[in-house]
C-alpha atoms as a PDB file:
ATOM      1  CA  LEU A   1       8.550 111.122 134.887  1.00  0.00           C
ATOM      2  CA  VAL A   2       8.187 113.853 137.445  1.00  0.00           C
ATOM      3  CA  PHE A   3      10.074 116.955 136.458  1.00  0.00           C
ATOM      4  CA  GLU A   4      10.466 120.579 137.395  1.00  0.00           C
ATOM      5  CA  GLY A   5      10.899 123.112 134.643  1.00  0.00           C
ATOM      6  CA  THR A   6       9.224 125.192 132.007  1.00  0.00           C
ATOM      7  CA  LYS A   7      10.525 123.894 128.645  1.00  0.00           C
ATOM      8  CA  LEU A   8      11.149 120.572 126.911  1.00  0.00           C
ATOM      9  CA  ILE A   9      14.334 120.667 124.849  1.00  0.00           C
ATOM     10  CA  ILE A  10      15.234 117.813 122.493  1.00  0.00           C
ATOM     11  CA  ASN A  11      18.284 116.783 120.511  1.00  0.00           C
ATOM     12  CA  SER A  12      17.029 115.028 117.395  1.00  0.00           C
ATOM     13  CA  LYS A  13      17.489 114.432 113.706  1.00  0.00           C
ATOM     14  CA  ALA A  14      14.064 114.038 112.163  1.00  0.00           C
ATOM     15  CA  PRO A  15      12.233 114.785 108.931  1.00  0.00           C
ATOM     16  CA  GLY A  16       9.213 115.382 111.163  1.00  0.00           C
ATOM     17  CA  GLY A  17       7.981 114.508 114.615  1.00  0.00           C
ATOM     18  CA  SER A  18       5.884 115.490 117.581  1.00  0.00           C
ATOM     19  CA  VAL A  19       5.595 114.875 121.319  1.00  0.00           C
ATOM     20  CA  ALA A  20       2.527 114.111 123.410  1.00  0.00           C
ATOM     21  CA  VAL A  21       2.447 114.478 127.191  1.00  0.00           C
ATOM     22  CA  LEU A  22       0.375 111.809 128.918  1.00  0.00           C
ATOM     23  CA  ASP A  23      -0.848 111.558 132.489  1.00  0.00           C
ATOM     24  CA  HIS A  24       0.237 108.684 134.738  1.00  0.00           C
ATOM     25  CA  THR A  25      -2.493 106.427 133.270  1.00  0.00           C
ATOM     26  CA  GLY A  26      -1.418 107.067 129.675  1.00  0.00           C
ATOM     27  CA  LYS A  27      -4.217 109.496 128.772  1.00  0.00           C
ATOM     28  CA  PRO A  28      -3.139 112.556 126.706  1.00  0.00           C
ATOM     29  CA  ILE A  29      -3.173 115.812 128.661  1.00  0.00           C
ATOM     30  CA  SER A  30      -5.342 118.491 127.063  1.00  0.00           C
ATOM     31  CA  GLY A  31      -3.225 121.151 125.389  1.00  0.00           C
ATOM     32  CA  PHE A  32      -0.210 118.809 125.198  1.00  0.00           C
ATOM     33  CA  THR A  33      -1.463 116.182 122.746  1.00  0.00           C
ATOM     34  CA  ARG A  34       0.248 115.019 119.574  1.00  0.00           C
ATOM     35  CA  ASN A  35      -2.119 117.211 117.548  1.00  0.00           C
ATOM     36  CA  ASP A  36      -1.347 120.235 119.751  1.00  0.00           C
ATOM     37  CA  CYS A  37       2.406 119.810 119.230  1.00  0.00           C
ATOM     38  CA  GLU A  38       4.039 121.899 116.531  1.00  0.00           C
ATOM     39  CA  PRO A  39       5.887 119.440 114.270  1.00  0.00           C
ATOM     40  CA  PHE A  40       9.648 119.616 114.516  1.00  0.00           C
ATOM     41  CA  GLN A  41      12.092 118.746 111.798  1.00  0.00           C
ATOM     42  CA  GLY A  42      15.751 118.985 110.947  1.00  0.00           C
ATOM     43  CA  ASP A  43      18.926 118.236 112.838  1.00  0.00           C
ATOM     44  CA  ALA A  44      18.957 120.261 116.047  1.00  0.00           C
ATOM     45  CA  ILE A  45      20.909 119.935 119.268  1.00  0.00           C
ATOM     46  CA  ARG A  46      18.531 122.235 121.180  1.00  0.00           C
ATOM     47  CA  HIS A  47      15.028 122.259 119.714  1.00  0.00           C
ATOM     48  CA  THR A  48      12.384 123.725 122.027  1.00  0.00           C
ATOM     49  CA  VAL A  49       9.143 121.749 121.701  1.00  0.00           C
ATOM     50  CA  LYS A  50       5.964 123.842 121.441  1.00  0.00           C
ATOM     51  CA  TRP A  51       2.306 123.013 121.814  1.00  0.00           C
ATOM     52  CA  GLN A  52      -0.192 125.441 120.283  1.00  0.00           C
ATOM     53  CA  GLY A  53       2.636 127.946 119.792  1.00  0.00           C
ATOM     54  CA  ASN A  54       3.683 127.859 123.438  1.00  0.00           C
ATOM     55  CA  SER A  55       6.745 126.166 124.949  1.00  0.00           C
ATOM     56  CA  ASP A  56       5.721 126.745 128.601  1.00  0.00           C
ATOM     57  CA  ILE A  57       5.076 123.400 130.321  1.00  0.00           C
ATOM     58  CA  SER A  58       4.989 124.752 133.877  1.00  0.00           C
ATOM     59  CA  ALA A  59       1.320 123.669 134.138  1.00  0.00           C
ATOM     60  CA  ILE A  60       2.483 120.045 134.303  1.00  0.00           C
ATOM     61  CA  SER A  61       5.640 120.641 136.334  1.00  0.00           C
ATOM     62  CA  GLY A  62       5.764 118.455 139.447  1.00  0.00           C
ATOM     63  CA  LYS A  63       3.142 116.030 138.092  1.00  0.00           C
ATOM     64  CA  SER A  64       3.741 112.414 137.149  1.00  0.00           C
ATOM     65  CA  VAL A  65       3.681 112.303 133.345  1.00  0.00           C
ATOM     66  CA  ARG A  66       4.808 110.214 130.399  1.00  0.00           C
ATOM     67  CA  LEU A  67       6.265 111.537 127.170  1.00  0.00           C
ATOM     68  CA  ARG A  68       5.341 109.864 123.893  1.00  0.00           C
ATOM     69  CA  PHE A  69       7.571 110.747 120.970  1.00  0.00           C
ATOM     70  CA  HIS A  70       6.045 110.293 117.503  1.00  0.00           C
ATOM     71  CA  LEU A  71       8.932 109.900 115.061  1.00  0.00           C
ATOM     72  CA  ARG A  72       9.477 108.249 111.688  1.00  0.00           C
ATOM     73  CA  ASN A  73      12.885 107.680 110.116  1.00  0.00           C
ATOM     74  CA  ALA A  74      14.338 109.774 112.915  1.00  0.00           C
ATOM     75  CA  LYS A  75      16.811 109.738 115.755  1.00  0.00           C
ATOM     76  CA  LEU A  76      16.167 111.083 119.243  1.00  0.00           C
ATOM     77  CA  TYR A  77      19.459 111.543 121.044  1.00  0.00           C
ATOM     78  CA  ALA A  78      18.354 113.248 124.251  1.00  0.00           C
ATOM     79  CA  PHE A  79      15.729 115.359 125.950  1.00  0.00           C
ATOM     80  CA  VAL A  80      15.852 117.641 128.955  1.00  0.00           C
ATOM     81  CA  VAL A  81      13.386 119.768 130.882  1.00  0.00           C
ATOM     82  CA  GLN A  82      14.785 123.105 131.940  1.00  0.00           C
ATOM     83  CA  ASP A  83      13.748 126.435 133.420  1.00  0.00           C
ATOM     84  CA  GLY A  84      13.574 129.572 131.351  1.00  0.00           C
END
């Protein structure tokens, strides 16, 4: 993916999950790894994903990246990258 924006918003139903941002080769990007991601849980239409307490992903905006969702017994309905 190549996106423009500052936040990753997901629509999911999950007892727990996380998201890692990978570079174009599949290597985790420092600061946006699975371990850096604050676990999300519950049933939310608009959950803002955070890494190390911060939702700002503008540092990777415009770069070719992959998203890896780590979910168990969960449903991911949609995700969007948006400004603000």
